[in-house]
Amino acid sequence: MSFSNVAIDQDPGTFCLVYTSNGVLMPLPNRVHSVILKASVKHNAQLYLDGVKFTPSPSTVVASGKTIQIRLPVPNDSRHHFVKVVDPGNLGTAAATSAQIEVWSDCAGVVTHLVSSTSQNTATNEQFVDVLMTNTGRVSQTFYSRLKLDGQTIVSDISLTPGASTTRRITIPADSKLHAVSAEVKIGSSYSADPALWYVVQALDAPAPPPDPSGEASQFKVGETIIVQSASTSTPLATDGSEWVLLEISPRNANAWTPVGTEAGMINPQADGTWSSTIETNTSKFPVGSQWDLRTRRFRDYQESEEKRHIFNMITGSVTQISTPTVPVIVSPLNHSQQGGTWVKLTGTGKPGSRLEFRTQRVTAWGQTDYTPMPTTVGSNGKWETLVYAKKRDDAHDYKILGYSCRASQNGLFSAYSNRLDITWRNPRR
């Protein structure tokens, strides 16, 4: 049970893809092939390009002994690709896979999309794909592109005037899966379904999380950073703002509870429902021999759960110094404009357990820096989130641009500051 006689049509059967909008020809960098195949038994045929299902090409039922053709718009992204026919075996027919055939495109389009570089966050094993987009000027007008990851739009409506180029970054999660980065060009009022880029990335394995602090009494040396986080077996928190955790500390058996952290002990969940925080120890607040109780309470719409407790002791000994903490990365929001008097979420990556502190810098020559993003802790998945606020101001300018960066701390050591992410804060319109 397999596919046979699988082939790619050759010239003159292939052609370069051209759309028409308002009577103007709009060439795309795709060479359209037909994949010709025959099935010995009934199959559901799907095209896989570079190992990932090529969604622009339709899934087709092939009757036993029949020969069919499936359209394949191969993008010109300066790479050769490999196509094969697959029946996944989950649609009521038997699984089957053909041999691979090498394909490529030499067609020129109104916009080119090339992968200009790739990189990796060694702390989280996330990978970054930088896509360079260029308006070739073949048609003298502004075009718009969007970038997708596994069919989901990541960045949309990227404006490209004739001759202009710009680069955008796509983050590949560390989940051990194959992921496809693709790009589409807007022709007229809608985006073409034929991708101008198809770049497949094998994701790395996620790093091992820090030890789960759910056992008996723990022991720490003065100067160590204590990481407190949700247990791997706990139910994730809701991420719609209705649930949070309150973390408090007290000398052993004293019931003299005080909040942990700068936000009155309140910890909001990460996007996956997990939470984490840190405690920096020193000789004045956590002397050798002191014993401590930690408790957490889960709140949902201000209704608290039963508390969970954990105890730890401070012991003598030299702190094993780690290397300088990994520099964190601020990932989003990119190219963001925000109304003054509101909150905006910053997200990024870093070494699990690192405590992050932020700074605010003025980018425009005017405007007050007002507030600094709330400190946060990198979760066990290597990701973090925090919030920042800016006041509404009535002044001579209707906007200001503020830049935000952060650095990580662990065991009393600090990393260099991260990349700077700029946000345009707009004043209310009069």
Protein backbone atom coordinates (compact mmCIF):
# COMPACT_ATOMS: atom_id res chain seq x y z
CA MET A 1 0.00 0.00 0.00
CA SER A 2 1.93 2.97 -1.23
CA PHE A 3 2.21 5.75 -3.77
CA SER A 4 3.88 5.03 -7.07
CA ASN A 5 4.96 6.98 -10.13
CA VAL A 6 5.39 10.13 -8.01
CA ALA A 7 6.92 12.86 -10.16
CA ILE A 8 7.14 16.62 -10.61
CA ASP A 9 6.00 18.09 -13.89
CA GLN A 10 8.72 19.85 -15.89
CA ASP A 11 8.77 22.85 -18.22
CA PRO A 12 6.66 23.94 -20.00
CA GLY A 13 4.13 22.61 -17.48
CA THR A 14 5.44 24.80 -14.65
CA PHE A 15 5.03 28.56 -14.47
CA CYS A 16 5.85 31.58 -12.29
CA LEU A 17 2.90 32.72 -10.21
CA VAL A 18 1.35 36.08 -11.13
CA TYR A 19 -1.69 37.71 -9.53
CA THR A 20 -3.70 40.61 -10.92
CA SER A 21 -4.95 43.53 -8.82
CA ASN A 22 -6.82 46.47 -10.36
CA GLY A 23 -5.45 45.49 -13.75
CA VAL A 24 -1.82 45.45 -12.53
CA LEU A 25 0.24 42.25 -12.74
CA MET A 26 1.69 41.24 -9.34
CA PRO A 27 4.35 38.51 -9.67
CA LEU A 28 5.07 36.31 -6.65
CA PRO A 29 8.31 34.34 -6.18
CA ASN A 30 6.59 30.97 -6.58
CA ARG A 31 7.08 28.40 -9.30
CA VAL A 32 3.90 26.38 -9.56
CA HIS A 33 4.44 22.65 -10.12
CA SER A 34 2.07 19.75 -10.27
CA VAL A 35 2.94 16.69 -8.20
CA ILE A 36 1.79 13.67 -10.20
CA LEU A 37 1.11 10.43 -8.35
CA LYS A 38 -0.70 7.13 -8.54
CA ALA A 39 -2.01 5.06 -5.62
CA SER A 40 -2.13 1.27 -5.60
CA VAL A 41 -5.04 1.43 -3.11
CA LYS A 42 -7.28 4.25 -1.92
CA HIS A 43 -5.31 6.93 -0.07
CA ASN A 44 -5.64 10.41 1.38
CA ALA A 45 -2.71 12.23 -0.23
CA GLN A 46 -1.07 15.24 1.43
CA LEU A 47 2.08 17.09 0.38
CA TYR A 48 4.86 17.51 2.92
CA LEU A 49 7.53 20.12 2.16
CA ASP A 50 10.79 19.66 4.10
CA GLY A 51 9.05 17.24 6.48
CA VAL A 52 6.08 19.46 7.40
CA LYS A 53 2.56 19.36 5.96
CA PHE A 54 2.39 22.00 3.21
CA THR A 55 -0.98 23.53 4.04
CA PRO A 56 -1.43 25.59 0.83
CA SER A 57 -1.70 22.33 -1.11
CA PRO A 58 -5.02 20.51 -0.61
CA SER A 59 -5.42 17.04 0.85
CA THR A 60 -6.83 14.83 -1.89
CA VAL A 61 -8.50 11.42 -1.93
CA VAL A 62 -6.85 9.13 -4.50
CA ALA A 63 -8.91 6.18 -5.66
CA SER A 64 -7.22 2.84 -6.15
CA GLY A 65 -5.28 2.71 -9.40
CA LYS A 66 -5.96 6.36 -10.22
CA THR A 67 -3.40 9.02 -11.15
CA ILE A 68 -3.90 12.58 -9.91
CA GLN A 69 -2.08 15.91 -9.77
CA ILE A 70 -1.69 18.18 -6.72
CA ARG A 71 -0.72 21.83 -7.10
CA LEU A 72 2.59 22.83 -5.44
CA PRO A 73 3.56 26.58 -5.37
CA VAL A 74 7.26 26.36 -4.40
CA PRO A 75 8.59 29.69 -2.98
CA ASN A 76 11.84 31.29 -4.14
CA ASP A 77 13.53 31.84 -0.77
CA SER A 78 17.06 31.02 -1.99
CA ARG A 79 16.74 27.43 -0.78
CA HIS A 80 16.05 24.04 -2.34
CA HIS A 81 13.15 22.12 -0.86
CA PHE A 82 12.11 18.48 -0.71
CA VAL A 83 8.55 17.35 -1.32
CA LYS A 84 6.95 13.98 -0.62
CA VAL A 85 3.43 12.56 -0.65
CA VAL A 86 2.11 11.33 2.72
CA ASP A 87 -1.00 9.56 3.91
CA PRO A 88 -0.92 10.07 7.72
CA GLY A 89 -3.12 7.02 8.24
CA ASN A 90 -5.59 8.83 10.51
CA LEU A 91 -8.26 9.55 7.90
CA GLY A 92 -9.63 6.05 7.41
CA THR A 93 -6.95 4.89 4.98
CA ALA A 94 -3.62 3.16 5.47
CA ALA A 95 -0.49 5.20 6.20
CA ALA A 96 1.94 5.60 3.31
CA THR A 97 4.89 7.80 2.30
CA SER A 98 6.56 8.36 -1.04
CA ALA A 99 10.20 9.10 -1.76
CA GLN A 100 11.33 12.74 -1.61
CA ILE A 101 11.82 14.89 -4.72
CA GLU A 102 13.98 18.02 -4.76
CA VAL A 103 12.21 21.22 -5.91
CA TRP A 104 13.06 24.91 -6.08
CA SER A 105 11.94 28.19 -7.62
CA ASP A 106 13.82 30.74 -9.70
CA CYS A 107 10.87 33.13 -10.03
CA ALA A 108 11.12 36.80 -9.04
CA GLY A 109 8.35 38.50 -7.11
CA VAL A 110 7.34 41.91 -5.82
CA VAL A 111 8.67 41.04 -2.35
CA THR A 112 11.46 38.64 -1.33
CA HIS A 113 11.68 36.83 2.00
CA LEU A 114 14.99 35.33 3.11
CA VAL A 115 16.15 33.86 6.40
CA SER A 116 19.07 36.16 7.16
CA SER A 117 20.25 34.56 10.42
CA THR A 118 19.37 32.12 13.17
CA SER A 119 20.38 32.10 16.83
CA GLN A 120 19.61 30.39 20.13
CA ASN A 121 18.93 31.28 23.75
CA THR A 122 21.14 28.79 25.59
CA ALA A 123 19.20 29.25 28.83
CA THR A 124 15.79 28.34 27.40
CA ASN A 125 16.81 26.48 24.20
CA GLU A 126 14.48 28.71 22.23
CA GLN A 127 15.68 29.45 18.71
CA PHE A 128 15.30 32.70 16.79
CA VAL A 129 14.78 32.99 13.04
CA ASP A 130 15.40 36.43 11.51
CA VAL A 131 13.50 37.01 8.26
CA LEU A 132 14.68 39.73 5.86
CA MET A 133 11.90 41.16 3.68
CA THR A 134 12.58 43.38 0.67
CA ASN A 135 10.26 45.20 -1.73
CA THR A 136 12.03 44.57 -5.05
CA GLY A 137 10.41 47.56 -6.76
CA ARG A 138 9.23 45.43 -9.71
CA VAL A 139 5.86 47.07 -9.13
CA SER A 140 6.17 50.63 -7.82
CA GLN A 141 3.87 50.51 -4.82
CA THR A 142 3.89 49.69 -1.13
CA PHE A 143 3.33 46.04 -0.28
CA TYR A 144 2.50 44.35 3.00
CA SER A 145 3.80 41.04 4.33
CA ARG A 146 2.94 38.84 7.27
CA LEU A 147 4.92 36.09 8.99
CA LYS A 148 3.45 32.88 10.34
CA LEU A 149 4.60 30.04 12.56
CA ASP A 150 2.85 26.72 11.95
CA GLY A 151 0.06 28.56 10.15
CA GLN A 152 -0.57 31.06 12.96
CA THR A 153 0.10 34.75 12.21
CA ILE A 154 2.93 36.12 14.36
CA VAL A 155 3.55 39.52 12.73
CA SER A 156 1.10 41.10 10.30
CA ASP A 157 0.89 44.11 7.97
CA ILE A 158 4.61 44.77 7.68
CA SER A 159 4.81 47.77 5.35
CA LEU A 160 7.44 47.75 2.59
CA THR A 161 7.82 50.74 0.28
CA PRO A 162 9.62 50.21 -3.08
CA GLY A 163 13.27 49.30 -2.44
CA ALA A 164 12.81 49.09 1.35
CA SER A 165 13.96 46.18 3.53
CA THR A 166 13.17 45.20 7.10
CA THR A 167 13.84 42.25 9.40
CA ARG A 168 11.52 40.54 11.87
CA ARG A 169 12.31 37.78 14.38
CA ILE A 170 10.29 34.62 14.93
CA THR A 171 10.78 32.65 18.18
CA ILE A 172 10.82 28.84 17.96
CA PRO A 173 9.75 27.21 21.26
CA ALA A 174 11.87 24.47 22.79
CA ASP A 175 9.38 21.62 22.38
CA SER A 176 11.29 19.07 20.24
CA LYS A 177 8.87 19.49 17.31
CA LEU A 178 9.24 20.51 13.68
CA HIS A 179 8.03 24.05 13.02
CA ALA A 180 7.43 25.88 9.74
CA VAL A 181 8.09 29.62 9.39
CA SER A 182 6.22 31.02 6.39
CA ALA A 183 5.48 34.40 4.83
CA GLU A 184 2.63 35.77 2.74
CA VAL A 185 2.26 38.92 0.63
CA LYS A 186 -0.90 41.03 0.50
CA ILE A 187 -2.20 41.42 -3.05
CA GLY A 188 -4.97 43.99 -3.21
CA SER A 189 -7.10 43.63 -0.09
CA SER A 190 -6.14 40.08 0.94
CA TYR A 191 -3.08 37.96 1.54
CA SER A 192 -2.04 35.34 -0.97
CA ALA A 193 -2.48 31.77 0.23
CA ASP A 194 0.76 30.82 -1.57
CA PRO A 195 3.71 31.29 0.82
CA ALA A 196 6.68 33.40 -0.29
CA LEU A 197 8.85 31.65 2.35
CA TRP A 198 8.91 28.14 3.79
CA TYR A 199 11.57 27.52 6.44
CA VAL A 200 11.43 24.42 8.63
CA VAL A 201 13.17 24.34 12.02
CA GLN A 202 13.77 21.35 14.29
CA ALA A 203 13.08 22.66 17.80
CA LEU A 204 15.43 21.78 20.62
CA ASP A 205 14.45 19.95 23.79
CA ALA A 206 13.27 22.12 26.67
CA PRO A 207 15.89 22.59 29.43
CA ALA A 208 15.43 20.67 32.64
CA PRO A 209 13.42 22.72 35.18
CA PRO A 210 14.92 23.68 38.55
CA PRO A 211 14.36 21.19 41.39
CA ASP A 212 10.77 21.07 42.60
CA PRO A 213 10.78 22.70 46.07
CA SER A 214 7.97 20.60 47.50
CA GLY A 215 9.93 18.28 49.81
CA GLU A 216 10.84 18.59 53.48
CA ALA A 217 12.96 21.35 55.08
CA SER A 218 15.48 22.86 52.70
CA GLN A 219 18.85 24.27 53.66
CA PHE A 220 20.45 27.36 52.16
CA LYS A 221 23.71 29.19 52.67
CA VAL A 222 23.68 32.91 53.35
CA GLY A 223 24.03 34.71 50.03
CA GLU A 224 22.20 32.13 47.96
CA THR A 225 19.14 32.97 45.87
CA ILE A 226 16.15 30.86 46.95
CA ILE A 227 13.81 29.93 44.10
CA VAL A 228 10.15 29.38 45.04
CA GLN A 229 7.85 28.05 42.33
CA SER A 230 4.67 26.12 41.66
CA ALA A 231 4.99 22.37 42.02
CA SER A 232 5.08 20.42 38.77
CA THR A 233 2.00 18.48 39.94
CA SER A 234 -0.10 21.52 40.86
CA THR A 235 -3.07 22.67 38.81
CA PRO A 236 -2.11 25.63 36.60
CA LEU A 237 -3.53 29.01 37.53
CA ALA A 238 -6.09 30.68 35.31
CA THR A 239 -4.40 33.29 33.13
CA ASP A 240 -7.38 35.62 32.61
CA GLY A 241 -6.48 37.75 35.65
CA SER A 242 -8.88 35.96 38.02
CA GLU A 243 -6.22 33.91 39.86
CA TRP A 244 -2.94 34.73 41.57
CA VAL A 245 -0.71 33.50 44.41
CA LEU A 246 0.22 35.29 47.64
CA LEU A 247 3.69 34.34 48.97
CA GLU A 248 4.57 35.16 52.59
CA ILE A 249 7.42 34.43 55.01
CA SER A 250 7.69 34.24 58.81
CA PRO A 251 10.32 33.22 61.38
CA ARG A 252 9.67 29.58 62.31
CA ASN A 253 6.40 29.09 64.25
CA ALA A 254 6.02 32.85 64.90
CA ASN A 255 3.07 33.45 62.58
CA ALA A 256 4.52 36.90 61.86
CA TRP A 257 3.79 36.81 58.14
CA THR A 258 5.19 39.41 55.74
CA PRO A 259 4.87 39.44 51.94
CA VAL A 260 7.77 38.22 49.81
CA GLY A 261 8.85 40.49 46.96
CA THR A 262 8.16 44.02 45.85
CA GLU A 263 4.51 43.59 44.83
CA ALA A 264 3.08 42.87 48.30
CA GLY A 265 3.76 39.18 47.77
CA MET A 266 1.29 38.92 44.89
CA ILE A 267 2.48 36.73 42.00
CA ASN A 268 0.62 36.59 38.71
CA PRO A 269 0.86 33.41 36.63
CA GLN A 270 2.84 33.00 33.44
CA ALA A 271 1.02 32.21 30.20
CA ASP A 272 1.12 28.46 31.00
CA GLY A 273 -0.38 28.92 34.48
CA THR A 274 2.86 28.34 36.41
CA TRP A 275 4.38 30.86 38.83
CA SER A 276 7.74 31.52 40.46
CA SER A 277 9.50 33.98 42.75
CA THR A 278 12.88 34.43 44.42
CA ILE A 279 14.26 35.38 47.83
CA GLU A 280 17.70 37.00 48.02
CA THR A 281 19.40 36.04 51.30
CA ASN A 282 21.98 38.06 53.24
CA THR A 283 23.56 38.09 56.71
CA SER A 284 21.35 40.87 58.11
CA LYS A 285 17.96 39.42 57.22
CA PHE A 286 18.80 35.70 57.04
CA PRO A 287 21.63 35.01 59.53
CA VAL A 288 23.16 31.56 59.91
CA GLY A 289 20.98 29.36 62.11
CA SER A 290 17.72 31.21 61.42
CA GLN A 291 14.70 29.09 60.54
CA TRP A 292 11.85 30.17 58.35
CA ASP A 293 8.34 29.27 57.27
CA LEU A 294 7.00 29.99 53.79
CA ARG A 295 3.34 29.85 52.91
CA THR A 296 1.38 30.30 49.71
CA ARG A 297 -2.31 30.90 49.23
CA ARG A 298 -4.09 30.73 45.93
CA PHE A 299 -6.70 33.41 45.26
CA ARG A 300 -9.49 33.23 42.73
CA ASP A 301 -11.65 36.34 42.47
CA TYR A 302 -10.35 37.29 45.94
CA GLN A 303 -11.44 33.99 47.48
CA GLU A 304 -8.44 32.26 49.06
CA SER A 305 -7.57 28.57 49.06
CA GLU A 306 -6.08 26.56 51.90
CA GLU A 307 -2.47 27.50 52.50
CA LYS A 308 0.55 25.42 51.57
CA ARG A 309 3.67 25.61 53.78
CA HIS A 310 7.34 24.87 53.31
CA ILE A 311 10.21 25.37 55.76
CA PHE A 312 13.86 26.21 55.25
CA ASN A 313 16.93 26.79 57.41
CA MET A 314 19.99 28.99 56.93
CA ILE A 315 23.28 27.15 57.40
CA THR A 316 26.95 28.09 57.40
CA GLY A 317 29.14 27.55 54.36
CA SER A 318 30.53 29.27 51.31
CA VAL A 319 28.18 29.96 48.44
CA THR A 320 29.18 28.15 45.27
CA GLN A 321 29.39 31.01 42.84
CA ILE A 322 27.77 30.42 39.51
CA SER A 323 29.01 32.06 36.37
CA THR A 324 27.64 35.50 35.56
CA PRO A 325 23.88 35.09 35.06
CA THR A 326 22.63 34.73 31.51
CA VAL A 327 21.55 38.00 29.94
CA PRO A 328 17.74 37.94 29.61
CA VAL A 329 15.88 38.82 26.42
CA ILE A 330 12.80 41.06 26.08
CA VAL A 331 10.70 39.54 23.29
CA SER A 332 7.49 41.55 23.13
CA PRO A 333 5.62 43.72 22.39
CA LEU A 334 7.49 44.78 19.24
CA ASN A 335 6.78 48.06 17.46
CA HIS A 336 4.12 48.82 20.07
CA SER A 337 2.07 51.98 20.63
CA GLN A 338 0.10 52.32 23.87
CA GLN A 339 -2.39 54.83 25.27
CA GLY A 340 -1.05 56.64 28.35
CA GLY A 341 -2.70 55.80 31.67
CA THR A 342 -2.84 52.07 30.92
CA TRP A 343 -0.81 48.94 31.58
CA VAL A 344 1.14 46.94 29.00
CA LYS A 345 2.62 43.46 29.34
CA LEU A 346 6.31 42.79 28.64
CA THR A 347 7.40 39.20 27.93
CA GLY A 348 10.73 37.55 27.39
CA THR A 349 13.10 34.70 28.12
CA GLY A 350 15.95 33.99 30.50
CA LYS A 351 17.56 31.43 32.77
CA PRO A 352 14.94 29.71 34.96
CA GLY A 353 14.99 31.05 38.51
CA SER A 354 16.73 34.34 37.66
CA ARG A 355 15.33 37.46 39.32
CA LEU A 356 14.88 40.31 36.85
CA GLU A 357 15.05 44.01 37.63
CA PHE A 358 14.22 46.68 35.07
CA ARG A 359 15.21 50.18 34.09
CA THR A 360 13.36 52.80 32.06
CA GLN A 361 15.15 55.15 29.66
CA ARG A 362 13.83 58.13 27.73
CA VAL A 363 14.27 57.70 23.96
CA THR A 364 12.65 60.93 22.81
CA ALA A 365 14.17 64.21 23.99
CA TRP A 366 11.02 64.85 26.04
CA GLY A 367 8.74 62.97 28.40
CA GLN A 368 8.93 61.64 31.96
CA THR A 369 10.05 58.09 32.67
CA ASP A 370 7.32 57.76 35.33
CA TYR A 371 7.36 54.06 36.16
CA THR A 372 9.71 51.08 35.91
CA PRO A 373 8.37 47.60 35.02
CA MET A 374 7.64 45.41 38.02
CA PRO A 375 10.44 42.98 38.97
CA THR A 376 9.74 39.39 38.07
CA THR A 377 11.25 35.90 38.14
CA VAL A 378 11.97 33.70 35.13
CA GLY A 379 9.73 30.64 35.29
CA SER A 380 10.82 27.02 35.08
CA ASN A 381 9.97 27.10 31.35
CA GLY A 382 12.53 29.87 30.77
CA LYS A 383 9.87 32.53 30.14
CA TRP A 384 8.78 35.60 32.08
CA GLU A 385 6.11 38.30 32.05
CA THR A 386 5.68 41.62 33.80
CA LEU A 387 3.64 44.82 33.55
CA VAL A 388 4.52 48.49 33.16
CA TYR A 389 2.39 51.61 33.43
CA ALA A 390 2.78 55.17 32.12
CA LYS A 391 0.82 58.22 33.19
CA LYS A 392 -1.39 60.32 30.97
CA ARG A 393 0.22 63.72 30.52
CA ASP A 394 -0.94 66.94 28.92
CA ASP A 395 2.09 68.64 27.41
CA ALA A 396 3.35 70.06 24.14
CA HIS A 397 3.94 66.63 22.63
CA ASP A 398 1.25 64.06 21.92
CA TYR A 399 3.56 61.10 22.43
CA LYS A 400 6.81 59.96 24.03
CA ILE A 401 9.02 56.91 23.49
CA LEU A 402 10.39 55.04 26.51
CA GLY A 403 12.90 52.20 26.34
CA TYR A 404 12.83 49.26 28.77
CA SER A 405 15.65 46.81 29.55
CA CYS A 406 16.36 44.33 32.33
CA ARG A 407 19.14 42.40 33.99
CA ALA A 408 19.19 39.09 35.84
CA SER A 409 20.50 38.45 39.35
CA GLN A 410 21.32 35.22 41.12
CA ASN A 411 23.45 34.57 44.23
CA GLY A 412 24.37 38.25 44.35
CA LEU A 413 25.70 38.38 40.78
CA PHE A 414 24.19 40.48 38.00
CA SER A 415 24.10 39.97 34.24
CA ALA A 416 24.57 42.73 31.72
CA TYR A 417 21.41 44.54 30.69
CA SER A 418 19.23 42.98 28.00
CA ASN A 419 18.19 44.38 24.68
CA ARG A 420 16.16 47.56 24.91
CA LEU A 421 12.51 47.42 23.89
CA ASP A 422 10.89 50.74 22.98
CA ILE A 423 7.22 51.59 23.49
CA THR A 424 5.49 54.69 22.12
CA TRP A 425 3.13 56.13 24.75
CA ARG A 426 0.37 58.31 23.28
CA ASN A 427 -1.41 61.13 25.07
CA PRO A 428 -5.20 61.13 24.90
CA ARG A 429 -6.55 63.10 21.98
CA ARG A 430 -8.07 66.38 22.96
